């Protein structure tokens, strides 16, 4: 997969924006931010979103020590809509405005979340991530992406979209806890 090769280039090519990556990941799920990962939206939307938030927070607290303090380049929003392709060949990656220093595995976990319904892509990403990262880091990154996407959907999308991302998130939480 070409995106995996790109991700390998991002490792140890870091930028330092003066932020501690591990603390940033912890803060994103435990406290949230003003414009995204808004914790109160999950807490107050429904019993299901409140439960999902509690599970994500528990996951992060118990796995945060497995998050590396690496200094690679993180795109921070590597989802299929930001990947330009001609067939199976990646021709570009757009929307680098949130780029920061951290663990590039975060980008592949983000891609895993958004490509989860594709079994071949899911298997390839899981296999690569388990070889190149730690399971605790993967769990923390999934918790972050879940909180981020469900919050965003609650505040900006239709009820159907919220439900779609809730179903996906519950499936991911269930499957990743079995690993």
Protein backbone atom coordinates (compact mmCIF):
# COMPACT_ATOMS: atom_id res chain seq x y z
CA UNK A 1 0.00 0.00 0.00
CA UNK A 2 1.48 3.32 -1.08
CA UNK A 3 0.16 5.17 1.96
CA UNK A 4 2.12 2.84 4.22
CA UNK A 5 5.32 3.70 2.30
CA UNK A 6 4.53 7.41 2.65
CA UNK A 7 3.97 6.88 6.36
CA UNK A 8 7.38 5.23 6.68
CA UNK A 9 8.97 8.35 5.20
CA UNK A 10 7.17 10.46 7.80
CA UNK A 11 8.87 8.58 10.66
CA UNK A 12 11.86 10.34 12.16
CA UNK A 13 11.36 13.27 9.79
CA UNK A 14 9.84 15.18 12.63
CA UNK A 15 8.81 18.64 13.28
CA UNK A 16 8.66 20.01 16.78
CA UNK A 17 5.88 22.41 17.54
CA UNK A 18 6.66 22.42 21.24
CA UNK A 19 3.86 20.03 22.16
CA UNK A 20 4.20 16.77 24.02
CA UNK A 21 2.50 14.17 21.77
CA UNK A 22 1.52 11.79 24.57
CA UNK A 23 0.00 14.59 26.67
CA UNK A 24 -1.78 15.91 23.59
CA UNK A 25 -3.39 12.51 22.94
CA UNK A 26 -4.42 12.26 26.59
CA UNK A 27 -5.91 15.74 26.65
CA UNK A 28 -7.84 15.22 23.40
CA UNK A 29 -9.93 12.40 24.86
CA UNK A 30 -10.03 13.28 28.56
CA UNK A 31 -10.63 17.05 28.35
CA UNK A 32 -11.23 17.67 24.66
CA UNK A 33 -10.74 20.90 22.80
CA UNK A 34 -12.88 23.90 21.94
CA UNK A 35 -13.35 23.18 18.21
CA UNK A 36 -13.11 19.38 18.00
CA UNK A 37 -13.07 16.41 20.36
CA UNK A 38 -15.72 18.35 22.27
CA UNK A 39 -16.34 16.02 25.18
CA UNK A 40 -19.67 17.54 26.24
CA UNK A 41 -21.28 16.73 22.90
CA UNK A 42 -20.73 13.01 23.50
CA UNK A 43 -21.57 13.26 27.18
CA UNK A 44 -24.95 14.91 26.54
CA UNK A 45 -26.10 13.62 23.13
CA UNK A 46 -27.33 10.18 24.23
CA UNK A 47 -26.68 7.34 26.63
CA UNK A 48 -24.83 5.52 23.82
CA UNK A 49 -22.47 8.41 23.12
CA UNK A 50 -21.87 8.95 26.84
CA UNK A 51 -20.98 5.26 27.20
CA UNK A 52 -18.71 5.42 24.16
CA UNK A 53 -16.94 8.46 25.65
CA UNK A 54 -16.47 6.67 28.98
CA UNK A 55 -15.01 3.63 27.19
CA UNK A 56 -12.67 5.84 25.14
CA UNK A 57 -11.49 7.68 28.25
CA UNK A 58 -10.87 4.44 30.11
CA UNK A 59 -8.94 3.08 27.12
CA UNK A 60 -6.75 6.16 26.93
CA UNK A 61 -6.01 6.25 30.66
CA UNK A 62 -5.01 2.59 30.71
CA UNK A 63 -2.93 2.66 27.49
CA UNK A 64 -1.36 6.14 27.38
CA UNK A 65 2.07 4.92 28.53
CA UNK A 66 2.27 2.89 25.30
CA UNK A 67 2.14 6.05 23.17
CA UNK A 68 5.65 6.91 21.97
CA UNK A 69 7.21 10.35 22.20
CA UNK A 70 8.31 10.15 18.59
CA UNK A 71 9.17 13.05 16.38
CA UNK A 72 7.69 12.09 13.05
CA UNK A 73 5.35 14.02 10.81
CA UNK A 74 1.64 13.49 11.43
CA UNK A 75 -0.85 14.57 8.75
CA UNK A 76 -3.53 14.41 11.48
CA UNK A 77 -6.50 13.96 9.11
CA UNK A 78 -5.50 11.11 6.80
CA UNK A 79 -8.89 9.94 5.60
CA UNK A 80 -9.85 8.73 2.13
CA UNK A 81 -11.21 12.13 1.07
CA UNK A 82 -7.71 13.60 1.54
CA UNK A 83 -6.03 11.00 -0.66
CA UNK A 84 -5.89 11.59 -4.40
CA UNK A 85 -5.55 8.46 -6.48
CA UNK A 86 -5.53 7.19 -10.03
CA UNK A 87 -6.75 3.63 -9.67
CA UNK A 88 -4.60 2.03 -6.97
CA UNK A 89 -1.81 4.59 -7.38
CA UNK A 90 -1.69 7.45 -4.88
CA UNK A 91 -1.05 10.69 -6.75
CA UNK A 92 -1.25 13.05 -3.81
CA UNK A 93 -2.33 13.73 -0.26
CA UNK A 94 -4.09 17.02 0.45
CA UNK A 95 -5.18 19.03 3.49
CA UNK A 96 -1.90 19.21 5.41
CA UNK A 97 -2.98 22.26 7.43
CA UNK A 98 -3.14 20.35 10.73
CA UNK A 99 0.27 18.71 10.31
CA UNK A 100 2.24 18.33 13.52
CA UNK A 101 5.00 16.40 15.19
CA UNK A 102 4.09 13.07 16.74
CA UNK A 103 3.73 9.41 15.92
CA UNK A 104 2.98 8.84 12.20
CA UNK A 105 1.19 5.60 13.13
CA UNK A 106 -1.66 7.92 14.17
CA UNK A 107 -2.32 8.62 10.47
CA UNK A 108 -2.64 4.94 9.62
CA UNK A 109 -4.96 4.39 12.58
CA UNK A 110 -7.08 7.27 11.28
CA UNK A 111 -7.14 5.65 7.86
CA UNK A 112 -8.03 2.31 9.49
CA UNK A 113 -11.04 3.95 11.13
CA UNK A 114 -12.35 5.39 7.88
CA UNK A 115 -11.61 2.26 5.80
CA UNK A 116 -12.85 -0.17 8.43
CA UNK A 117 -15.70 -1.48 6.29
CA UNK A 118 -13.20 -2.68 3.66
CA UNK A 119 -11.96 -6.00 5.00
CA UNK A 120 -8.80 -6.12 2.80
CA UNK A 121 -7.77 -2.56 3.75
CA UNK A 122 -8.60 -3.21 7.41
CA UNK A 123 -6.51 -6.39 7.49
CA UNK A 124 -3.54 -4.79 5.73
CA UNK A 125 -3.55 -1.77 8.04
CA UNK A 126 -3.94 -3.88 11.20
CA UNK A 127 -1.08 -6.17 10.16
CA UNK A 128 1.23 -3.27 9.43
CA UNK A 129 0.28 -1.36 12.58
CA UNK A 130 0.80 -4.38 14.83
CA UNK A 131 4.31 -4.82 13.39
CA UNK A 132 5.30 -1.16 13.48
CA UNK A 133 3.51 0.21 16.53
CA UNK A 134 2.29 -0.92 19.93
CA UNK A 135 -1.23 -2.14 20.62
CA UNK A 136 -1.62 0.40 23.45
CA UNK A 137 -0.76 3.27 21.07
CA UNK A 138 -3.19 1.93 18.45
CA UNK A 139 -5.94 1.78 21.09
CA UNK A 140 -5.27 5.37 22.20
CA UNK A 141 -5.29 6.62 18.61
CA UNK A 142 -8.54 4.78 17.86
CA UNK A 143 -10.11 6.30 20.98
CA UNK A 144 -9.06 9.75 19.79
CA UNK A 145 -10.44 9.24 16.27
CA UNK A 146 -13.70 7.85 17.66
CA UNK A 147 -14.21 10.82 19.99
CA UNK A 148 -13.22 13.25 17.27
CA UNK A 149 -15.50 11.80 14.58
CA UNK A 150 -18.54 11.15 16.75
CA UNK A 151 -18.30 14.64 18.26
CA UNK A 152 -17.95 16.19 14.80
CA UNK A 153 -20.94 14.21 13.51
CA UNK A 154 -23.10 15.20 16.47
CA UNK A 155 -22.36 18.86 15.89
CA UNK A 156 -22.27 18.97 12.08
CA UNK A 157 -24.01 15.97 10.50
CA UNK A 158 -27.42 14.34 10.38
CA UNK A 159 -28.72 11.88 12.95
CA UNK A 160 -28.18 9.09 10.39
CA UNK A 161 -24.50 10.02 10.08
CA UNK A 162 -24.14 10.06 13.86
CA UNK A 163 -25.66 6.58 14.02
CA UNK A 164 -23.39 5.33 11.22
CA UNK A 165 -20.26 6.48 13.04
CA UNK A 166 -21.57 5.16 16.36
CA UNK A 167 -22.06 1.69 14.81
CA UNK A 168 -18.58 1.78 13.28
CA UNK A 169 -17.04 2.99 16.54
CA UNK A 170 -18.75 0.30 18.63
CA UNK A 171 -17.56 -2.36 16.18
CA UNK A 172 -13.99 -1.05 16.36
CA UNK A 173 -14.04 -0.85 20.17
CA UNK A 174 -15.33 -4.41 20.37
CA UNK A 175 -12.81 -5.80 17.85
CA UNK A 176 -9.79 -3.89 19.18
CA UNK A 177 -10.45 -5.05 22.75
CA UNK A 178 -10.16 -8.64 21.52
CA UNK A 179 -6.63 -8.06 20.18
